[in-house]
Amino acid sequence: MTDADVHEGPVHDDEAAHDPDEEVQPWRHSEVTLTLLFPPFPDPDVTEREPLPAHDPVRARRVVEELGTVAEVLQELPERPVGELAWPSVRADLDFVAVGCWGDVVMVFEPALGSDLLCDAMTAEVARQRARHPEARIVGSVELDYGNRYLEEQVLLPTGEEVFAGGWDCDDEDAWSFVGDPQEVLRALGVDRRTAVEVGFDLDAEPCDRTWSDLGVLALGWHRRPAGGVERRHVSSFRVRRSQEGADNLAEVWFPRF
């Protein structure tokens, strides 16, 4: 059973006019995540960190209720591993948000934060989270596959360093948007260029050819986690009623604009 199988009717006023089985445009291996890492931050010189602690479902519900894209939680579904989350394929799947809370890590799987250079959904939520949690490292990561992929990475550190990179994988550098200095981010993280290259982020590559998502990996310390990462960690899944902002974001990114 997929999340869409428990869909029980419109979750936003505009939805009643739409077919819940309408297919979304981005392909199924698209991914949109917002992750917060709270102090104490990992020592960059420690080669392997302890496994993440168990999921906290009470905290997860608080997190989803605070999102700007959510007006109300309608239903809480049984927990499941991250690796079993199904990414949206039809409109009804967009009613669901998953949240993992593992000790100092909060990870949100939220299709309404999908962005492109015409929609700034992730940027808006990152700013909201920064105002609420100035002590956290925040990473917003978007990969939307329409045949050509839109890629976006935002990394914000509590010490003030931040980076934004966004663009289409088919475009050259002039069509991408860049803000901030990734070298300053690495310096603030205590990560040297060699370690960054080993993880996959190469400052010597052309900006539009860099794997910007690996800068997020470095900021979160995922490269020091035991093998398997978060795939086996449990998350809470929620069926939600969308705020106007959330509904507008979904219409912009997941369905034809024209």
C-alpha atoms as a PDB file:
ATOM      1  CA  MET A   1       0.000   0.000   0.000  1.00  0.00           C
ATOM      2  CA  THR A   2       1.273   3.457  -0.880  1.00  0.00           C
ATOM      3  CA  ASP A   3       0.521   6.683   0.976  1.00  0.00           C
ATOM      4  CA  ALA A   4      -2.000   7.589  -1.718  1.00  0.00           C
ATOM      5  CA  ASP A   5      -4.069   4.516  -0.805  1.00  0.00           C
ATOM      6  CA  VAL A   6      -5.081   6.183   2.480  1.00  0.00           C
ATOM      7  CA  HIS A   7      -6.133   9.436   0.771  1.00  0.00           C
ATOM      8  CA  GLU A   8      -9.584  10.353   2.078  1.00  0.00           C
ATOM      9  CA  GLY A   9     -10.574  13.503   0.223  1.00  0.00           C
ATOM     10  CA  PRO A  10      -9.375  17.047  -0.476  1.00  0.00           C
ATOM     11  CA  VAL A  11      -6.741  18.415   1.876  1.00  0.00           C
ATOM     12  CA  HIS A  12      -6.864  21.953   0.488  1.00  0.00           C
ATOM     13  CA  ASP A  13      -9.798  23.959  -0.832  1.00  0.00           C
ATOM     14  CA  ASP A  14      -8.337  24.044  -4.355  1.00  0.00           C
ATOM     15  CA  GLU A  15      -7.876  20.279  -4.487  1.00  0.00           C
ATOM     16  CA  ALA A  16     -11.541  19.373  -4.933  1.00  0.00           C
ATOM     17  CA  ALA A  17     -11.272  20.468  -8.586  1.00  0.00           C
ATOM     18  CA  HIS A  18      -8.374  18.090  -9.315  1.00  0.00           C
ATOM     19  CA  ASP A  19      -8.022  14.369  -9.972  1.00  0.00           C
ATOM     20  CA  PRO A  20      -6.093  12.713  -7.087  1.00  0.00           C
ATOM     21  CA  ASP A  21      -4.754  10.143  -9.569  1.00  0.00           C
ATOM     22  CA  GLU A  22      -3.282  12.790 -11.888  1.00  0.00           C
ATOM     23  CA  GLU A  23       0.373  11.956 -12.522  1.00  0.00           C
ATOM     24  CA  VAL A  24       3.008  14.423 -11.371  1.00  0.00           C
ATOM     25  CA  GLN A  25       5.654  15.695 -13.767  1.00  0.00           C
ATOM     26  CA  PRO A  26       8.941  14.968 -11.939  1.00  0.00           C
ATOM     27  CA  TRP A  27      10.137  11.376 -12.162  1.00  0.00           C
ATOM     28  CA  ARG A  28      10.057   9.072  -9.172  1.00  0.00           C
ATOM     29  CA  HIS A  29      13.725   9.381  -8.260  1.00  0.00           C
ATOM     30  CA  SER A  30      13.286  13.092  -7.559  1.00  0.00           C
ATOM     31  CA  GLU A  31      14.097  14.045  -3.963  1.00  0.00           C
ATOM     32  CA  VAL A  32      13.505  17.083  -1.739  1.00  0.00           C
ATOM     33  CA  THR A  33      14.871  17.164   1.819  1.00  0.00           C
ATOM     34  CA  LEU A  34      15.394  19.740   4.542  1.00  0.00           C
ATOM     35  CA  THR A  35      17.851  18.743   7.272  1.00  0.00           C
ATOM     36  CA  LEU A  36      18.846  20.449  10.507  1.00  0.00           C
ATOM     37  CA  LEU A  37      21.863  19.448  12.583  1.00  0.00           C
ATOM     38  CA  PHE A  38      21.908  20.759  16.136  1.00  0.00           C
ATOM     39  CA  PRO A  39      24.968  21.224  18.354  1.00  0.00           C
ATOM     40  CA  PRO A  40      27.207  19.833  19.610  1.00  0.00           C
ATOM     41  CA  PHE A  41      28.543  19.463  16.075  1.00  0.00           C
ATOM     42  CA  PRO A  42      30.725  16.520  15.057  1.00  0.00           C
ATOM     43  CA  ASP A  43      34.495  16.775  15.333  1.00  0.00           C
ATOM     44  CA  PRO A  44      35.765  16.881  11.724  1.00  0.00           C
ATOM     45  CA  ASP A  45      38.810  14.831  12.762  1.00  0.00           C
ATOM     46  CA  VAL A  46      36.751  11.879  14.064  1.00  0.00           C
ATOM     47  CA  THR A  47      36.791   9.264  11.320  1.00  0.00           C
ATOM     48  CA  GLU A  48      33.551   7.475  12.285  1.00  0.00           C
ATOM     49  CA  ARG A  49      30.635   8.607  14.417  1.00  0.00           C
ATOM     50  CA  GLU A  50      28.204   6.626  16.507  1.00  0.00           C
ATOM     51  CA  PRO A  51      24.966   5.454  14.831  1.00  0.00           C
ATOM     52  CA  LEU A  52      22.029   7.809  14.975  1.00  0.00           C
ATOM     53  CA  PRO A  53      19.725   7.331  17.982  1.00  0.00           C
ATOM     54  CA  ALA A  54      16.148   6.086  17.729  1.00  0.00           C
ATOM     55  CA  HIS A  55      13.469   8.191  16.075  1.00  0.00           C
ATOM     56  CA  ASP A  56      11.396  10.542  18.268  1.00  0.00           C
ATOM     57  CA  PRO A  57       7.813  10.589  16.865  1.00  0.00           C
ATOM     58  CA  VAL A  58       6.542  13.237  19.296  1.00  0.00           C
ATOM     59  CA  ARG A  59       9.207  15.679  18.172  1.00  0.00           C
ATOM     60  CA  ALA A  60       8.510  14.756  14.531  1.00  0.00           C
ATOM     61  CA  ARG A  61       4.886  15.822  14.867  1.00  0.00           C
ATOM     62  CA  ARG A  62       5.955  19.177  16.297  1.00  0.00           C
ATOM     63  CA  VAL A  63       8.322  19.650  13.360  1.00  0.00           C
ATOM     64  CA  VAL A  64       5.703  18.952  10.694  1.00  0.00           C
ATOM     65  CA  GLU A  65       3.166  21.225  12.399  1.00  0.00           C
ATOM     66  CA  GLU A  66       5.662  24.114  12.250  1.00  0.00           C
ATOM     67  CA  LEU A  67       6.292  23.895   8.494  1.00  0.00           C
ATOM     68  CA  GLY A  68       5.033  26.816   6.439  1.00  0.00           C
ATOM     69  CA  THR A  69       3.664  24.387   3.855  1.00  0.00           C
ATOM     70  CA  VAL A  70       1.374  22.629   6.353  1.00  0.00           C
ATOM     71  CA  ALA A  71      -1.880  24.001   7.778  1.00  0.00           C
ATOM     72  CA  GLU A  72      -2.880  20.925   9.793  1.00  0.00           C
ATOM     73  CA  VAL A  73      -1.926  17.303  10.418  1.00  0.00           C
ATOM     74  CA  LEU A  74      -4.880  15.101   9.452  1.00  0.00           C
ATOM     75  CA  GLN A  75      -3.433  11.652  10.054  1.00  0.00           C
ATOM     76  CA  GLU A  76      -0.285  10.043  11.436  1.00  0.00           C
ATOM     77  CA  LEU A  77       0.714   6.826   9.679  1.00  0.00           C
ATOM     78  CA  PRO A  78       2.844   3.965  11.051  1.00  0.00           C
ATOM     79  CA  GLU A  79       6.580   4.583  11.153  1.00  0.00           C
ATOM     80  CA  ARG A  80       8.702   3.196   8.327  1.00  0.00           C
ATOM     81  CA  PRO A  81      12.384   3.167   7.323  1.00  0.00           C
ATOM     82  CA  VAL A  82      13.653   5.986   5.145  1.00  0.00           C
ATOM     83  CA  GLY A  83      14.539   3.435   2.470  1.00  0.00           C
ATOM     84  CA  GLU A  84      10.865   2.488   2.128  1.00  0.00           C
ATOM     85  CA  LEU A  85       9.557   5.997   1.523  1.00  0.00           C
ATOM     86  CA  ALA A  86       7.793   6.235  -1.839  1.00  0.00           C
ATOM     87  CA  TRP A  87       8.329   9.479  -3.718  1.00  0.00           C
ATOM     88  CA  PRO A  88       5.209  11.041  -5.303  1.00  0.00           C
ATOM     89  CA  SER A  89       3.858   9.619  -8.537  1.00  0.00           C
ATOM     90  CA  VAL A  90       0.281  11.013  -8.444  1.00  0.00           C
ATOM     91  CA  ARG A  91      -1.338  14.132  -6.996  1.00  0.00           C
ATOM     92  CA  ALA A  92      -2.658  12.342  -3.881  1.00  0.00           C
ATOM     93  CA  ASP A  93       0.909  11.421  -2.893  1.00  0.00           C
ATOM     94  CA  LEU A  94       1.654  15.129  -2.392  1.00  0.00           C
ATOM     95  CA  ASP A  95      -0.529  15.162   0.736  1.00  0.00           C
ATOM     96  CA  PHE A  96       2.191  13.387   2.747  1.00  0.00           C
ATOM     97  CA  VAL A  97       5.224  14.608   4.664  1.00  0.00           C
ATOM     98  CA  ALA A  98       7.775  12.391   6.435  1.00  0.00           C
ATOM     99  CA  VAL A  99      10.000  13.520   9.304  1.00  0.00           C
ATOM    100  CA  GLY A 100      12.899  11.781  11.010  1.00  0.00           C
ATOM    101  CA  CYS A 101      14.138  13.029  14.393  1.00  0.00           C
ATOM    102  CA  TRP A 102      17.288  11.207  15.453  1.00  0.00           C
ATOM    103  CA  GLY A 103      18.952  12.961  18.355  1.00  0.00           C
ATOM    104  CA  ASP A 104      20.745  16.021  16.991  1.00  0.00           C
ATOM    105  CA  VAL A 105      19.370  15.477  13.457  1.00  0.00           C
ATOM    106  CA  VAL A 106      15.979  16.475  12.050  1.00  0.00           C
ATOM    107  CA  MET A 107      15.283  15.449   8.444  1.00  0.00           C
ATOM    108  CA  VAL A 108      12.135  16.449   6.549  1.00  0.00           C
ATOM    109  CA  PHE A 109      10.966  14.796   3.335  1.00  0.00           C
ATOM    110  CA  GLU A 110       8.531  17.347   1.916  1.00  0.00           C
ATOM    111  CA  PRO A 111       7.481  17.596  -1.750  1.00  0.00           C
ATOM    112  CA  ALA A 112       6.030  21.086  -1.200  1.00  0.00           C
ATOM    113  CA  LEU A 113       9.598  22.369  -0.689  1.00  0.00           C
ATOM    114  CA  GLY A 114      10.477  21.469  -4.270  1.00  0.00           C
ATOM    115  CA  SER A 115      11.962  24.506  -6.001  1.00  0.00           C
ATOM    116  CA  ASP A 116      13.337  25.721  -9.287  1.00  0.00           C
ATOM    117  CA  LEU A 117      14.636  29.084 -10.414  1.00  0.00           C
ATOM    118  CA  LEU A 118      11.026  30.347 -10.693  1.00  0.00           C
ATOM    119  CA  CYS A 119       9.827  28.997  -7.328  1.00  0.00           C
ATOM    120  CA  ASP A 120      11.717  29.617  -4.081  1.00  0.00           C
ATOM    121  CA  ALA A 121       9.859  27.189  -1.802  1.00  0.00           C
ATOM    122  CA  MET A 122      12.998  25.735  -0.193  1.00  0.00           C
ATOM    123  CA  THR A 123      14.594  29.154   0.280  1.00  0.00           C
ATOM    124  CA  ALA A 124      11.497  30.401   2.091  1.00  0.00           C
ATOM    125  CA  GLU A 125      11.405  27.432   4.477  1.00  0.00           C
ATOM    126  CA  VAL A 126      15.154  27.539   5.103  1.00  0.00           C
ATOM    127  CA  ALA A 127      14.788  31.200   6.126  1.00  0.00           C
ATOM    128  CA  ARG A 128      11.895  30.275   8.410  1.00  0.00           C
ATOM    129  CA  GLN A 129      13.931  27.507  10.046  1.00  0.00           C
ATOM    130  CA  ARG A 130      16.943  29.767  10.425  1.00  0.00           C
ATOM    131  CA  ALA A 131      14.858  32.311  12.316  1.00  0.00           C
ATOM    132  CA  ARG A 132      13.452  29.565  14.551  1.00  0.00           C
ATOM    133  CA  HIS A 133      16.716  27.639  15.052  1.00  0.00           C
ATOM    134  CA  PRO A 134      19.699  30.003  14.618  1.00  0.00           C
ATOM    135  CA  GLU A 135      21.946  27.513  16.439  1.00  0.00           C
ATOM    136  CA  ALA A 136      21.514  24.772  13.807  1.00  0.00           C
ATOM    137  CA  ARG A 137      23.277  23.912  10.577  1.00  0.00           C
ATOM    138  CA  ILE A 138      20.621  23.833   7.880  1.00  0.00           C
ATOM    139  CA  VAL A 139      20.794  22.041   4.535  1.00  0.00           C
ATOM    140  CA  GLY A 140      18.086  22.240   1.875  1.00  0.00           C
ATOM    141  CA  SER A 141      18.523  19.827  -1.021  1.00  0.00           C
ATOM    142  CA  VAL A 142      16.420  19.587  -4.176  1.00  0.00           C
ATOM    143  CA  GLU A 143      16.701  17.211  -7.122  1.00  0.00           C
ATOM    144  CA  LEU A 144      13.750  17.249  -9.504  1.00  0.00           C
ATOM    145  CA  ASP A 145      13.994  15.092 -12.607  1.00  0.00           C
ATOM    146  CA  TYR A 146      11.925  16.123 -15.612  1.00  0.00           C
ATOM    147  CA  GLY A 147      14.253  14.348 -18.059  1.00  0.00           C
ATOM    148  CA  ASN A 148      16.638  17.220 -17.381  1.00  0.00           C
ATOM    149  CA  ARG A 149      17.281  17.650 -13.661  1.00  0.00           C
ATOM    150  CA  TYR A 150      16.915  20.781 -11.572  1.00  0.00           C
ATOM    151  CA  LEU A 151      19.470  20.734  -8.735  1.00  0.00           C
ATOM    152  CA  GLU A 152      19.557  23.036  -5.722  1.00  0.00           C
ATOM    153  CA  GLU A 153      21.609  23.022  -2.534  1.00  0.00           C
ATOM    154  CA  GLN A 154      21.502  25.481   0.345  1.00  0.00           C
ATOM    155  CA  VAL A 155      23.912  25.243   3.262  1.00  0.00           C
ATOM    156  CA  LEU A 156      23.613  27.671   6.186  1.00  0.00           C
ATOM    157  CA  LEU A 157      25.877  27.613   9.225  1.00  0.00           C
ATOM    158  CA  PRO A 158      25.101  29.267  12.580  1.00  0.00           C
ATOM    159  CA  THR A 159      28.367  31.199  12.320  1.00  0.00           C
ATOM    160  CA  GLY A 160      26.944  33.065   9.313  1.00  0.00           C
ATOM    161  CA  GLU A 161      28.542  31.303   6.347  1.00  0.00           C
ATOM    162  CA  GLU A 162      26.091  30.178   3.685  1.00  0.00           C
ATOM    163  CA  VAL A 163      25.959  28.917   0.132  1.00  0.00           C
ATOM    164  CA  PHE A 164      23.201  28.633  -2.461  1.00  0.00           C
ATOM    165  CA  ALA A 165      23.642  26.845  -5.793  1.00  0.00           C
ATOM    166  CA  GLY A 166      20.789  26.125  -8.176  1.00  0.00           C
ATOM    167  CA  GLY A 167      20.406  25.293 -11.833  1.00  0.00           C
ATOM    168  CA  TRP A 168      19.544  22.764 -14.522  1.00  0.00           C
ATOM    169  CA  ASP A 169      22.055  20.037 -15.311  1.00  0.00           C
ATOM    170  CA  CYS A 170      21.696  20.841 -19.035  1.00  0.00           C
ATOM    171  CA  ASP A 171      22.669  24.521 -18.591  1.00  0.00           C
ATOM    172  CA  ASP A 172      26.051  26.169 -18.476  1.00  0.00           C
ATOM    173  CA  GLU A 173      27.297  28.306 -15.607  1.00  0.00           C
ATOM    174  CA  ASP A 174      25.675  31.514 -16.848  1.00  0.00           C
ATOM    175  CA  ALA A 175      22.193  30.028 -16.315  1.00  0.00           C
ATOM    176  CA  TRP A 176      22.900  28.862 -12.743  1.00  0.00           C
ATOM    177  CA  SER A 177      22.452  30.915  -9.594  1.00  0.00           C
ATOM    178  CA  PHE A 178      25.218  31.013  -6.973  1.00  0.00           C
ATOM    179  CA  VAL A 179      25.401  32.841  -3.653  1.00  0.00           C
ATOM    180  CA  GLY A 180      28.146  32.631  -1.052  1.00  0.00           C
ATOM    181  CA  ASP A 181      31.642  31.165  -0.869  1.00  0.00           C
ATOM    182  CA  PRO A 182      31.892  27.372  -0.488  1.00  0.00           C
ATOM    183  CA  GLN A 183      35.531  27.658   0.579  1.00  0.00           C
ATOM    184  CA  GLU A 184      34.422  29.745   3.562  1.00  0.00           C
ATOM    185  CA  VAL A 185      31.846  27.082   4.425  1.00  0.00           C
ATOM    186  CA  LEU A 186      34.483  24.344   4.308  1.00  0.00           C
ATOM    187  CA  ARG A 187      36.819  26.425   6.457  1.00  0.00           C
ATOM    188  CA  ALA A 188      34.080  26.986   9.038  1.00  0.00           C
ATOM    189  CA  LEU A 189      33.355  23.250   9.060  1.00  0.00           C
ATOM    190  CA  GLY A 190      37.017  22.429   9.604  1.00  0.00           C
ATOM    191  CA  VAL A 191      37.068  20.358   6.389  1.00  0.00           C
ATOM    192  CA  ASP A 192      40.117  20.547   4.129  1.00  0.00           C
ATOM    193  CA  ARG A 193      39.982  20.461   0.338  1.00  0.00           C
ATOM    194  CA  ARG A 194      41.356  16.927   0.166  1.00  0.00           C
ATOM    195  CA  THR A 195      38.593  15.558   2.389  1.00  0.00           C
ATOM    196  CA  ALA A 196      36.012  17.489   0.388  1.00  0.00           C
ATOM    197  CA  VAL A 197      37.288  15.944  -2.858  1.00  0.00           C
ATOM    198  CA  GLU A 198      37.230  12.467  -1.315  1.00  0.00           C
ATOM    199  CA  VAL A 199      33.578  12.969  -0.440  1.00  0.00           C
ATOM    200  CA  GLY A 200      32.794  14.327  -3.909  1.00  0.00           C
ATOM    201  CA  PHE A 201      32.891  18.115  -3.645  1.00  0.00           C
ATOM    202  CA  ASP A 202      35.721  19.534  -5.752  1.00  0.00           C
ATOM    203  CA  LEU A 203      36.390  23.270  -5.606  1.00  0.00           C
ATOM    204  CA  ASP A 204      38.615  22.968  -8.679  1.00  0.00           C
ATOM    205  CA  ALA A 205      35.660  21.897 -10.823  1.00  0.00           C
ATOM    206  CA  GLU A 206      33.598  24.483 -12.676  1.00  0.00           C
ATOM    207  CA  PRO A 207      30.800  25.708 -10.370  1.00  0.00           C
ATOM    208  CA  CYS A 208      28.002  24.176 -12.440  1.00  0.00           C
ATOM    209  CA  ASP A 209      29.890  20.847 -12.547  1.00  0.00           C
ATOM    210  CA  ARG A 210      30.374  20.551  -8.777  1.00  0.00           C
ATOM    211  CA  THR A 211      28.320  18.037  -6.840  1.00  0.00           C
ATOM    212  CA  TRP A 212      26.793  20.627  -4.538  1.00  0.00           C
ATOM    213  CA  SER A 213      24.820  18.037  -2.591  1.00  0.00           C
ATOM    214  CA  ASP A 214      28.135  16.741  -1.249  1.00  0.00           C
ATOM    215  CA  LEU A 215      28.759  20.110   0.396  1.00  0.00           C
ATOM    216  CA  GLY A 216      25.563  19.429   2.316  1.00  0.00           C
ATOM    217  CA  VAL A 217      26.866  15.954   3.176  1.00  0.00           C
ATOM    218  CA  LEU A 218      29.992  17.554   4.644  1.00  0.00           C
ATOM    219  CA  ALA A 219      28.002  20.116   6.637  1.00  0.00           C
ATOM    220  CA  LEU A 220      25.874  17.384   8.190  1.00  0.00           C
ATOM    221  CA  GLY A 221      28.763  15.030   8.848  1.00  0.00           C
ATOM    222  CA  TRP A 222      27.097  12.250   6.843  1.00  0.00           C
ATOM    223  CA  HIS A 223      30.492  11.301   5.394  1.00  0.00           C
ATOM    224  CA  ARG A 224      31.537  10.185   8.900  1.00  0.00           C
ATOM    225  CA  ARG A 225      28.426   8.131   9.613  1.00  0.00           C
ATOM    226  CA  PRO A 226      28.622   4.303   9.536  1.00  0.00           C
ATOM    227  CA  ALA A 227      27.783   2.613   6.235  1.00  0.00           C
ATOM    228  CA  GLY A 228      24.085   2.727   5.387  1.00  0.00           C
ATOM    229  CA  GLY A 229      23.555   6.318   6.496  1.00  0.00           C
ATOM    230  CA  VAL A 230      19.928   7.074   7.296  1.00  0.00           C
ATOM    231  CA  GLU A 231      18.305   4.519   4.989  1.00  0.00           C
ATOM    232  CA  ARG A 232      17.369   2.161   7.831  1.00  0.00           C
ATOM    233  CA  ARG A 233      16.344   4.863  10.285  1.00  0.00           C
ATOM    234  CA  HIS A 234      12.623   5.168  10.980  1.00  0.00           C
ATOM    235  CA  VAL A 235      10.549   8.243  10.197  1.00  0.00           C
ATOM    236  CA  SER A 236       7.016   9.373  10.969  1.00  0.00           C
ATOM    237  CA  SER A 237       4.719   9.933   7.999  1.00  0.00           C
ATOM    238  CA  PHE A 238       1.843  12.406   8.099  1.00  0.00           C
ATOM    239  CA  ARG A 239      -1.123  13.137   5.880  1.00  0.00           C
ATOM    240  CA  VAL A 240      -1.562  16.903   5.983  1.00  0.00           C
ATOM    241  CA  ARG A 241      -3.843  19.702   4.930  1.00  0.00           C
ATOM    242  CA  ARG A 242      -1.840  22.183   2.925  1.00  0.00           C
ATOM    243  CA  SER A 243      -1.450  25.855   3.677  1.00  0.00           C
ATOM    244  CA  GLN A 244      -2.013  28.204   0.738  1.00  0.00           C
ATOM    245  CA  GLU A 245       1.781  28.499   0.449  1.00  0.00           C
ATOM    246  CA  GLY A 246       2.169  24.718   0.320  1.00  0.00           C
ATOM    247  CA  ALA A 247      -0.603  24.294  -2.251  1.00  0.00           C
ATOM    248  CA  ASP A 248       0.867  27.026  -4.447  1.00  0.00           C
ATOM    249  CA  ASN A 249       4.349  25.478  -4.237  1.00  0.00           C
ATOM    250  CA  LEU A 250       3.033  22.079  -5.330  1.00  0.00           C
ATOM    251  CA  ALA A 251       1.116  23.558  -8.256  1.00  0.00           C
ATOM    252  CA  GLU A 252       4.218  25.433  -9.427  1.00  0.00           C
ATOM    253  CA  VAL A 253       6.668  22.530  -9.382  1.00  0.00           C
ATOM    254  CA  TRP A 254       4.786  19.242  -9.716  1.00  0.00           C
ATOM    255  CA  PHE A 255       2.357  20.091 -12.519  1.00  0.00           C
ATOM    256  CA  PRO A 256       2.530  21.932 -15.872  1.00  0.00           C
ATOM    257  CA  ARG A 257       2.663  25.707 -15.503  1.00  0.00           C
ATOM    258  CA  PHE A 258       1.013  26.350 -18.837  1.00  0.00           C
END
